[in-house]
Structures are given as C-alpha cells and as structure tokens.
Amino acid sequence: GSANYADSAKGRFTISRDNAKNTVYLQMNRLK
C-alpha cells in the first residue's frame, strides 16, 4: 500500500489496490 506520485498528480490523484481482486485503481480529481 505504499504509493508515490508524479508531481503533476500529487494532491489530485489517489492510487489504491485490492490485492484479493488483483485490481488497481486511480481516482482522478480536479482534472485538467
């Protein structure tokens, strides 16, 4: 669950994952 981001994504995007489902998500807010 340790995450890092590009500078352009920090504060706007959130990455998460569900290990049981082998799935990763990217929540993108305040899109430009």
Full PDB file with SEQRES, HELIX, SHEET, SSBOND, CRYST1, ORIGX, SCALE, CONECT and MASTER records, all heavy atoms in Angstrom:
SEQRES   1 A   32  GLY SER ALA ASN TYR ALA ASP SER ALA LYS GLY ARG PHE          
SEQRES   2 A   32  THR ILE SER ARG ASP ASN ALA LYS ASN THR VAL TYR LEU          
SEQRES   3 A   32  GLN MET ASN ARG LEU LYS                                      
HELIX    1 AA1 ASN A   19  LYS A   21  5                                   3    
SHEET    1 AA1 2 PHE A  13  ASP A  18  0                                        
SHEET    2 AA1 2 THR A  23  MET A  28 -1                                        
CRYST1    1.000    1.000    1.000  90.00  90.00  90.00 P 1           1          
ORIGX1      1.000000  0.000000  0.000000        0.00000                         
ORIGX2      0.000000  1.000000  0.000000        0.00000                         
ORIGX3      0.000000  0.000000  1.000000        0.00000                         
SCALE1      1.000000  0.000000  0.000000        0.00000                         
SCALE2      0.000000  1.000000  0.000000        0.00000                         
SCALE3      0.000000  0.000000  1.000000        0.00000                         
ATOM      1  N   GLY A   1       0.771  -1.228   0.000  1.00  0.00           N  
ATOM      2  CA  GLY A   1       0.000   0.000   0.000  1.00  0.00           C  
ATOM      3  C   GLY A   1       0.802   1.278   0.000  1.00  0.00           C  
ATOM      4  O   GLY A   1       0.226   2.368   0.115  1.00  0.00           O  
ATOM      5  N   SER A   2       2.115   1.185  -0.135  1.00  0.00           N  
ATOM      6  CA  SER A   2       2.943   2.382  -0.211  1.00  0.00           C  
ATOM      7  C   SER A   2       2.881   2.956  -1.618  1.00  0.00           C  
ATOM      8  O   SER A   2       3.158   2.257  -2.593  1.00  0.00           O  
ATOM      9  CB  SER A   2       4.386   2.057   0.166  1.00  0.00           C  
ATOM     10  OG  SER A   2       5.203   3.203   0.079  1.00  0.00           O  
ATOM     11  N   ALA A   3       2.530   4.235  -1.727  1.00  0.00           N  
ATOM     12  CA  ALA A   3       2.288   4.853  -3.017  1.00  0.00           C  
ATOM     13  C   ALA A   3       3.215   6.031  -3.260  1.00  0.00           C  
ATOM     14  O   ALA A   3       3.674   6.689  -2.322  1.00  0.00           O  
ATOM     15  CB  ALA A   3       0.839   5.330  -3.115  1.00  0.00           C  
ATOM     16  N   ASN A   4       3.500   6.283  -4.528  1.00  0.00           N  
ATOM     17  CA  ASN A   4       4.158   7.518  -4.917  1.00  0.00           C  
ATOM     18  C   ASN A   4       3.517   8.043  -6.190  1.00  0.00           C  
ATOM     19  O   ASN A   4       2.855   7.309  -6.931  1.00  0.00           O  
ATOM     20  CB  ASN A   4       5.671   7.360  -5.056  1.00  0.00           C  
ATOM     21  CG  ASN A   4       6.087   6.256  -6.018  1.00  0.00           C  
ATOM     22  OD1 ASN A   4       5.388   5.930  -6.971  1.00  0.00           O  
ATOM     23  ND2 ASN A   4       7.260   5.683  -5.764  1.00  0.00           N  
ATOM     24  N   TYR A   5       3.725   9.341  -6.432  1.00  0.00           N  
ATOM     25  CA  TYR A   5       3.016  10.036  -7.493  1.00  0.00           C  
ATOM     26  C   TYR A   5       3.946  10.956  -8.249  1.00  0.00           C  
ATOM     27  O   TYR A   5       4.920  11.475  -7.694  1.00  0.00           O  
ATOM     28  CB  TYR A   5       1.873  10.885  -6.927  1.00  0.00           C  
ATOM     29  CG  TYR A   5       0.832  10.111  -6.168  1.00  0.00           C  
ATOM     30  CD1 TYR A   5       0.962   9.875  -4.804  1.00  0.00           C  
ATOM     31  CD2 TYR A   5      -0.295   9.626  -6.823  1.00  0.00           C  
ATOM     32  CE1 TYR A   5       0.009   9.166  -4.110  1.00  0.00           C  
ATOM     33  CE2 TYR A   5      -1.261   8.913  -6.131  1.00  0.00           C  
ATOM     34  CZ  TYR A   5      -1.105   8.689  -4.779  1.00  0.00           C  
ATOM     35  OH  TYR A   5      -2.066   7.984  -4.095  1.00  0.00           O  
ATOM     36  N   ALA A   6       3.615  11.177  -9.497  1.00  0.00           N  
ATOM     37  CA  ALA A   6       4.245  12.248 -10.236  1.00  0.00           C  
ATOM     38  C   ALA A   6       3.836  13.583  -9.630  1.00  0.00           C  
ATOM     39  O   ALA A   6       2.761  13.709  -9.037  1.00  0.00           O  
ATOM     40  CB  ALA A   6       3.833  12.196 -11.708  1.00  0.00           C  
ATOM     41  N   ASP A   7       4.694  14.588  -9.771  1.00  0.00           N  
ATOM     42  CA  ASP A   7       4.383  15.893  -9.208  1.00  0.00           C  
ATOM     43  C   ASP A   7       3.054  16.433  -9.726  1.00  0.00           C  
ATOM     44  O   ASP A   7       2.304  17.076  -8.986  1.00  0.00           O  
ATOM     45  CB  ASP A   7       5.503  16.885  -9.513  1.00  0.00           C  
ATOM     46  CG  ASP A   7       6.764  16.613  -8.717  1.00  0.00           C  
ATOM     47  OD1 ASP A   7       6.682  15.922  -7.682  1.00  0.00           O  
ATOM     48  OD2 ASP A   7       7.834  17.102  -9.131  1.00  0.00           O  
ATOM     49  N   SER A   8       2.755  16.177 -10.977  1.00  0.00           N  
ATOM     50  CA  SER A   8       1.527  16.673 -11.571  1.00  0.00           C  
ATOM     51  C   SER A   8       0.278  16.017 -10.992  1.00  0.00           C  
ATOM     52  O   SER A   8      -0.820  16.560 -11.121  1.00  0.00           O  
ATOM     53  CB  SER A   8       1.548  16.466 -13.088  1.00  0.00           C  
ATOM     54  OG  SER A   8       1.655  15.087 -13.408  1.00  0.00           O  
ATOM     55  N   ALA A   9       0.447  14.863 -10.357  1.00  0.00           N  
ATOM     56  CA  ALA A   9      -0.685  14.127  -9.815  1.00  0.00           C  
ATOM     57  C   ALA A   9      -0.878  14.324  -8.324  1.00  0.00           C  
ATOM     58  O   ALA A   9      -1.968  14.061  -7.805  1.00  0.00           O  
ATOM     59  CB  ALA A   9      -0.525  12.636 -10.110  1.00  0.00           C  
ATOM     60  N   LYS A  10       0.139  14.763  -7.638  1.00  0.00           N  
ATOM     61  CA  LYS A  10       0.074  14.901  -6.193  1.00  0.00           C  
ATOM     62  C   LYS A  10      -1.046  15.852  -5.779  1.00  0.00           C  
ATOM     63  O   LYS A  10      -1.189  16.933  -6.324  1.00  0.00           O  
ATOM     64  CB  LYS A  10       1.410  15.403  -5.644  1.00  0.00           C  
ATOM     65  CG  LYS A  10       2.541  14.398  -5.746  1.00  0.00           C  
ATOM     66  CD  LYS A  10       3.843  14.975  -5.212  1.00  0.00           C  
ATOM     67  CE  LYS A  10       4.970  13.971  -5.330  1.00  0.00           C  
ATOM     68  NZ  LYS A  10       6.270  14.532  -4.874  1.00  0.00           N  
ATOM     69  N   GLY A  11      -1.825  15.404  -4.810  1.00  0.00           N  
ATOM     70  CA  GLY A  11      -2.916  16.217  -4.310  1.00  0.00           C  
ATOM     71  C   GLY A  11      -4.201  16.097  -5.092  1.00  0.00           C  
ATOM     72  O   GLY A  11      -5.248  16.559  -4.626  1.00  0.00           O  
ATOM     73  N   ARG A  12      -4.145  15.503  -6.274  1.00  0.00           N  
ATOM     74  CA  ARG A  12      -5.335  15.353  -7.109  1.00  0.00           C  
ATOM     75  C   ARG A  12      -5.696  13.900  -7.372  1.00  0.00           C  
ATOM     76  O   ARG A  12      -6.873  13.564  -7.469  1.00  0.00           O  
ATOM     77  CB  ARG A  12      -5.155  16.076  -8.444  1.00  0.00           C  
ATOM     78  CG  ARG A  12      -4.938  17.575  -8.329  1.00  0.00           C  
ATOM     79  CD  ARG A  12      -4.975  18.237  -9.700  1.00  0.00           C  
ATOM     80  NE  ARG A  12      -3.923  17.723 -10.578  1.00  0.00           N  
ATOM     81  CZ  ARG A  12      -4.141  17.185 -11.779  1.00  0.00           C  
ATOM     82  NH1 ARG A  12      -5.380  17.091 -12.247  1.00  0.00           N  
ATOM     83  NH2 ARG A  12      -3.133  16.752 -12.511  1.00  0.00           N  
ATOM     84  N   PHE A  13      -4.689  13.055  -7.511  1.00  0.00           N  
ATOM     85  CA  PHE A  13      -4.909  11.650  -7.839  1.00  0.00           C  
ATOM     86  C   PHE A  13      -4.611  10.777  -6.630  1.00  0.00           C  
ATOM     87  O   PHE A  13      -3.723  11.087  -5.824  1.00  0.00           O  
ATOM     88  CB  PHE A  13      -4.005  11.208  -8.990  1.00  0.00           C  
ATOM     89  CG  PHE A  13      -4.284  11.863 -10.314  1.00  0.00           C  
ATOM     90  CD1 PHE A  13      -5.257  12.833 -10.456  1.00  0.00           C  
ATOM     91  CD2 PHE A  13      -3.547  11.497 -11.428  1.00  0.00           C  
ATOM     92  CE1 PHE A  13      -5.503  13.437 -11.676  1.00  0.00           C  
ATOM     93  CE2 PHE A  13      -3.785  12.082 -12.660  1.00  0.00           C  
ATOM     94  CZ  PHE A  13      -4.760  13.056 -12.783  1.00  0.00           C  
ATOM     95  N   THR A  14      -5.325   9.679  -6.529  1.00  0.00           N  
ATOM     96  CA  THR A  14      -5.095   8.701  -5.482  1.00  0.00           C  
ATOM     97  C   THR A  14      -5.074   7.308  -6.085  1.00  0.00           C  
ATOM     98  O   THR A  14      -6.029   6.902  -6.750  1.00  0.00           O  
ATOM     99  CB  THR A  14      -6.170   8.770  -4.393  1.00  0.00           C  
ATOM    100  OG1 THR A  14      -6.215  10.083  -3.826  1.00  0.00           O  
ATOM    101  CG2 THR A  14      -5.862   7.763  -3.286  1.00  0.00           C  
ATOM    102  N   ILE A  15      -3.988   6.593  -5.858  1.00  0.00           N  
ATOM    103  CA  ILE A  15      -3.894   5.221  -6.318  1.00  0.00           C  
ATOM    104  C   ILE A  15      -4.194   4.287  -5.154  1.00  0.00           C  
ATOM    105  O   ILE A  15      -3.809   4.550  -4.013  1.00  0.00           O  
ATOM    106  CB  ILE A  15      -2.505   4.934  -6.929  1.00  0.00           C  
ATOM    107  CG1 ILE A  15      -2.484   3.558  -7.610  1.00  0.00           C  
ATOM    108  CG2 ILE A  15      -1.401   5.058  -5.897  1.00  0.00           C  
ATOM    109  CD1 ILE A  15      -1.223   3.317  -8.435  1.00  0.00           C  
ATOM    110  N   SER A  16      -4.896   3.221  -5.436  1.00  0.00           N  
ATOM    111  CA  SER A  16      -5.224   2.231  -4.425  1.00  0.00           C  
ATOM    112  C   SER A  16      -5.298   0.864  -5.090  1.00  0.00           C  
ATOM    113  O   SER A  16      -5.274   0.753  -6.321  1.00  0.00           O  
ATOM    114  CB  SER A  16      -6.547   2.573  -3.723  1.00  0.00           C  
ATOM    115  OG  SER A  16      -7.617   2.590  -4.650  1.00  0.00           O  
ATOM    116  N   ARG A  17      -5.397  -0.171  -4.281  1.00  0.00           N  
ATOM    117  CA  ARG A  17      -5.471  -1.509  -4.845  1.00  0.00           C  
ATOM    118  C   ARG A  17      -6.237  -2.445  -3.928  1.00  0.00           C  
ATOM    119  O   ARG A  17      -6.326  -2.231  -2.718  1.00  0.00           O  
ATOM    120  CB  ARG A  17      -4.069  -2.073  -5.124  1.00  0.00           C  
ATOM    121  CG  ARG A  17      -3.200  -2.239  -3.889  1.00  0.00           C  
ATOM    122  CD  ARG A  17      -1.760  -2.575  -4.286  1.00  0.00           C  
ATOM    123  NE  ARG A  17      -1.629  -3.932  -4.795  1.00  0.00           N  
ATOM    124  CZ  ARG A  17      -0.542  -4.411  -5.404  1.00  0.00           C  
ATOM    125  NH1 ARG A  17       0.506  -3.614  -5.608  1.00  0.00           N  
ATOM    126  NH2 ARG A  17      -0.499  -5.668  -5.819  1.00  0.00           N  
ATOM    127  N   ASP A  18      -6.778  -3.467  -4.540  1.00  0.00           N  
ATOM    128  CA  ASP A  18      -7.458  -4.541  -3.840  1.00  0.00           C  
ATOM    129  C   ASP A  18      -6.681  -5.808  -4.171  1.00  0.00           C  
ATOM    130  O   ASP A  18      -6.819  -6.365  -5.259  1.00  0.00           O  
ATOM    131  CB  ASP A  18      -8.914  -4.651  -4.281  1.00  0.00           C  
ATOM    132  CG  ASP A  18      -9.697  -5.675  -3.494  1.00  0.00           C  
ATOM    133  OD1 ASP A  18      -9.089  -6.608  -2.928  1.00  0.00           O  
ATOM    134  OD2 ASP A  18     -10.938  -5.559  -3.442  1.00  0.00           O  
ATOM    135  N   ASN A  19      -5.856  -6.243  -3.251  1.00  0.00           N  
ATOM    136  CA  ASN A  19      -4.986  -7.379  -3.522  1.00  0.00           C  
ATOM    137  C   ASN A  19      -5.767  -8.671  -3.757  1.00  0.00           C  
ATOM    138  O   ASN A  19      -5.346  -9.524  -4.532  1.00  0.00           O  
ATOM    139  CB  ASN A  19      -3.998  -7.567  -2.378  1.00  0.00           C  
ATOM    140  CG  ASN A  19      -2.964  -6.461  -2.307  1.00  0.00           C  
ATOM    141  OD1 ASN A  19      -2.681  -5.791  -3.308  1.00  0.00           O  
ATOM    142  ND2 ASN A  19      -2.386  -6.259  -1.137  1.00  0.00           N  
ATOM    143  N   ALA A  20      -6.896  -8.817  -3.079  1.00  0.00           N  
ATOM    144  CA  ALA A  20      -7.705 -10.014  -3.251  1.00  0.00           C  
ATOM    145  C   ALA A  20      -8.265 -10.123  -4.658  1.00  0.00           C  
ATOM    146  O   ALA A  20      -8.524 -11.222  -5.153  1.00  0.00           O  
ATOM    147  CB  ALA A  20      -8.840 -10.043  -2.230  1.00  0.00           C  
ATOM    148  N   LYS A  21      -8.467  -8.983  -5.313  1.00  0.00           N  
ATOM    149  CA  LYS A  21      -9.010  -8.956  -6.668  1.00  0.00           C  
ATOM    150  C   LYS A  21      -7.951  -8.681  -7.727  1.00  0.00           C  
ATOM    151  O   LYS A  21      -8.285  -8.586  -8.910  1.00  0.00           O  
ATOM    152  CB  LYS A  21     -10.113  -7.903  -6.772  1.00  0.00           C  
ATOM    153  CG  LYS A  21     -11.307  -8.166  -5.877  1.00  0.00           C  
ATOM    154  CD  LYS A  21     -12.356  -7.081  -6.032  1.00  0.00           C  
ATOM    155  CE  LYS A  21     -13.558  -7.350  -5.158  1.00  0.00           C  
ATOM    156  NZ  LYS A  21     -14.592  -6.291  -5.290  1.00  0.00           N  
ATOM    157  N   ASN A  22      -6.697  -8.546  -7.316  1.00  0.00           N  
ATOM    158  CA  ASN A  22      -5.611  -8.195  -8.236  1.00  0.00           C  
ATOM    159  C   ASN A  22      -5.968  -6.974  -9.076  1.00  0.00           C  
ATOM    160  O   ASN A  22      -5.748  -6.946 -10.293  1.00  0.00           O  
ATOM    161  CB  ASN A  22      -5.263  -9.384  -9.139  1.00  0.00           C  
ATOM    162  CG  ASN A  22      -4.620 -10.523  -8.377  1.00  0.00           C  
ATOM    163  OD1 ASN A  22      -3.880 -10.308  -7.423  1.00  0.00           O  
ATOM    164  ND2 ASN A  22      -4.893 -11.749  -8.804  1.00  0.00           N  
ATOM    165  N   THR A  23      -6.500  -5.971  -8.418  1.00  0.00           N  
ATOM    166  CA  THR A  23      -7.010  -4.796  -9.098  1.00  0.00           C  
ATOM    167  C   THR A  23      -6.389  -3.531  -8.519  1.00  0.00           C  
ATOM    168  O   THR A  23      -6.236  -3.408  -7.303  1.00  0.00           O  
ATOM    169  CB  THR A  23      -8.537  -4.722  -8.979  1.00  0.00           C  
ATOM    170  OG1 THR A  23      -9.116  -5.880  -9.587  1.00  0.00           O  
ATOM    171  CG2 THR A  23      -9.079  -3.481  -9.675  1.00  0.00           C  
ATOM    172  N   VAL A  24      -6.047  -2.611  -9.404  1.00  0.00           N  
ATOM    173  CA  VAL A  24      -5.527  -1.318  -9.008  1.00  0.00           C  
ATOM    174  C   VAL A  24      -6.460  -0.240  -9.542  1.00  0.00           C  
ATOM    175  O   VAL A  24      -7.046  -0.387 -10.624  1.00  0.00           O  
ATOM    176  CB  VAL A  24      -4.083  -1.105  -9.511  1.00  0.00           C  
ATOM    177  CG1 VAL A  24      -4.022  -1.091 -11.032  1.00  0.00           C  
ATOM    178  CG2 VAL A  24      -3.491   0.174  -8.936  1.00  0.00           C  
ATOM    179  N   TYR A  25      -6.596   0.836  -8.782  1.00  0.00           N  
ATOM    180  CA  TYR A  25      -7.487   1.929  -9.129  1.00  0.00           C  
ATOM    181  C   TYR A  25      -6.705   3.233  -9.161  1.00  0.00           C  
ATOM    182  O   TYR A  25      -5.697   3.397  -8.470  1.00  0.00           O  
ATOM    183  CB  TYR A  25      -8.626   2.061  -8.117  1.00  0.00           C  
ATOM    184  CG  TYR A  25      -9.391   0.791  -7.866  1.00  0.00           C  
ATOM    185  CD1 TYR A  25      -9.029  -0.073  -6.837  1.00  0.00           C  
ATOM    186  CD2 TYR A  25     -10.480   0.454  -8.658  1.00  0.00           C  
ATOM    187  CE1 TYR A  25      -9.733  -1.235  -6.598  1.00  0.00           C  
ATOM    188  CE2 TYR A  25     -11.191  -0.711  -8.426  1.00  0.00           C  
ATOM    189  CZ  TYR A  25     -10.814  -1.551  -7.395  1.00  0.00           C  
ATOM    190  OH  TYR A  25     -11.517  -2.711  -7.166  1.00  0.00           O  
ATOM    191  N   LEU A  26      -7.196   4.154  -9.939  1.00  0.00           N  
ATOM    192  CA  LEU A  26      -6.671   5.509  -9.940  1.00  0.00           C  
ATOM    193  C   LEU A  26      -7.848   6.470  -9.892  1.00  0.00           C  
ATOM    194  O   LEU A  26      -8.578   6.608 -10.875  1.00  0.00           O  
ATOM    195  CB  LEU A  26      -5.808   5.785 -11.172  1.00  0.00           C  
ATOM    196  CG  LEU A  26      -5.120   7.148 -11.190  1.00  0.00           C  
ATOM    197  CD1 LEU A  26      -4.066   7.230 -10.083  1.00  0.00           C  
ATOM    198  CD2 LEU A  26      -4.485   7.427 -12.550  1.00  0.00           C  
ATOM    199  N   GLN A  27      -8.027   7.096  -8.745  1.00  0.00           N  
ATOM    200  CA  GLN A  27      -9.047   8.120  -8.587  1.00  0.00           C  
ATOM    201  C   GLN A  27      -8.447   9.452  -8.995  1.00  0.00           C  
ATOM    202  O   GLN A  27      -7.465   9.901  -8.405  1.00  0.00           O  
ATOM    203  CB  GLN A  27      -9.542   8.180  -7.144  1.00  0.00           C  
ATOM    204  CG  GLN A  27     -10.581   9.259  -6.878  1.00  0.00           C  
ATOM    205  CD  GLN A  27     -11.889   8.996  -7.580  1.00  0.00           C  
ATOM    206  OE1 GLN A  27     -12.395   7.877  -7.548  1.00  0.00           O  
ATOM    207  NE2 GLN A  27     -12.433  10.018  -8.229  1.00  0.00           N  
ATOM    208  N   MET A  28      -9.032  10.078  -9.988  1.00  0.00           N  
ATOM    209  CA  MET A  28      -8.522  11.322 -10.524  1.00  0.00           C  
ATOM    210  C   MET A  28      -9.542  12.420 -10.282  1.00  0.00           C  
ATOM    211  O   MET A  28     -10.663  12.360 -10.793  1.00  0.00           O  
ATOM    212  CB  MET A  28      -8.225  11.191 -12.019  1.00  0.00           C  
ATOM    213  CG  MET A  28      -7.243  10.071 -12.351  1.00  0.00           C  
ATOM    214  SD  MET A  28      -6.787  10.028 -14.100  1.00  0.00           S  
ATOM    215  CE  MET A  28      -8.370   9.577 -14.817  1.00  0.00           C  
ATOM    216  N   ASN A  29      -9.143  13.417  -9.512  1.00  0.00           N  
ATOM    217  CA  ASN A  29      -9.999  14.544  -9.178  1.00  0.00           C  
ATOM    218  C   ASN A  29      -9.410  15.828  -9.725  1.00  0.00           C  
ATOM    219  O   ASN A  29      -8.212  15.919  -9.989  1.00  0.00           O  
ATOM    220  CB  ASN A  29     -10.173  14.658  -7.668  1.00  0.00           C  
ATOM    221  CG  ASN A  29     -10.829  13.448  -7.046  1.00  0.00           C  
ATOM    222  OD1 ASN A  29     -11.721  12.845  -7.632  1.00  0.00           O  
ATOM    223  ND2 ASN A  29     -10.402  13.099  -5.837  1.00  0.00           N  
ATOM    224  N   ARG A  30     -10.270  16.833  -9.858  1.00  0.00           N  
ATOM    225  CA  ARG A  30      -9.863  18.146 -10.347  1.00  0.00           C  
ATOM    226  C   ARG A  30      -9.033  18.019 -11.620  1.00  0.00           C  
ATOM    227  O   ARG A  30      -7.945  18.585 -11.737  1.00  0.00           O  
ATOM    228  CB  ARG A  30      -9.100  18.915  -9.266  1.00  0.00           C  
ATOM    229  CG  ARG A  30      -9.915  19.116  -7.977  1.00  0.00           C  
ATOM    230  CD  ARG A  30      -9.256  20.067  -7.003  1.00  0.00           C  
ATOM    231  NE  ARG A  30      -7.925  19.648  -6.605  1.00  0.00           N  
ATOM    232  CZ  ARG A  30      -7.674  18.725  -5.693  1.00  0.00           C  
ATOM    233  NH1 ARG A  30      -8.670  18.104  -5.075  1.00  0.00           N  
ATOM    234  NH2 ARG A  30      -6.416  18.424  -5.389  1.00  0.00           N  
ATOM    235  N   LEU A  31      -9.580  17.295 -12.557  1.00  0.00           N  
ATOM    236  CA  LEU A  31      -8.863  17.015 -13.793  1.00  0.00           C  
ATOM    237  C   LEU A  31      -8.639  18.279 -14.604  1.00  0.00           C  
ATOM    238  O   LEU A  31      -9.464  19.198 -14.616  1.00  0.00           O  
ATOM    239  CB  LEU A  31      -9.627  15.990 -14.620  1.00  0.00           C  
ATOM    240  CG  LEU A  31      -9.493  14.547 -14.119  1.00  0.00           C  
ATOM    241  CD1 LEU A  31     -10.610  13.679 -14.674  1.00  0.00           C  
ATOM    242  CD2 LEU A  31      -8.130  13.988 -14.491  1.00  0.00           C  
ATOM    243  N   LYS A  32      -7.511  18.302 -15.285  1.00  0.00           N  
ATOM    244  CA  LYS A  32      -7.104  19.422 -16.110  1.00  0.00           C  
ATOM    245  C   LYS A  32      -6.953  18.962 -17.554  1.00  0.00           C  
ATOM    246  O   LYS A  32      -6.720  17.784 -17.813  1.00  0.00           O  
ATOM    247  CB  LYS A  32      -5.764  19.984 -15.619  1.00  0.00           C  
ATOM    248  CG  LYS A  32      -5.750  20.402 -14.158  1.00  0.00           C  
ATOM    249  CD  LYS A  32      -4.350  20.826 -13.738  1.00  0.00           C  
ATOM    250  CE  LYS A  32      -4.305  21.232 -12.281  1.00  0.00           C  
ATOM    251  NZ  LYS A  32      -2.935  21.613 -11.853  1.00  0.00           N  
TER     252      LYS A  32                                                      
MASTER        0    0    0    1    2    0    0    6  251    1    0    3          
END                                                                             
